[in-house]
Amino acid sequence: MKRYYSTHRPVAPGTYPKIGHKIRRIINYGSRQVVADAGGEAWGFIEYEDQLTEKEMEQYELVEGGIKAWFAVTTSVDNEGRIYSTITDTIYAIRKPDSVYRELRRKDVYIDYYESREAAEKAVKEAMA
């Protein structure tokens, strides 16, 4: 079962995806409340038997509840154009950490976060290609 929080409005018809998903329950709080599991404020939540896609969550402005693992990929580009990239860390958080960019004297460093190890590994391969 997956829980998704509505951060912009109460859960009502037209504010969540129905087609292709079995809904377990819908709870509205009556007003916007701080919810640790949502990483901020929410009006309520909806629980599904299965997982929504990123596109569905974005389209309906829903936030998946719970702590997730985020895989940090650090990529550096030195002044001569050489690229090095690897998975450097795993962060456990409710929301995706912000990407980081640092311009150093001899290289630029980028840190991006991915929701799965497979996606992080793919990003490393693409950077090194």
Foldseek 3Di string as FASTA:
>chain_A
DWKKFAAPDADDPPLADDPPWAWDDWDAPCDWDADQQQVGIGRTMTDTPDDDDPVRCVVNVIFTGDKAKKWKKKWKQFPVGQIAIDTDDIDIDRDFDDWDWDDDPTIIMIIGIDRDVVVRVVVRVVRND
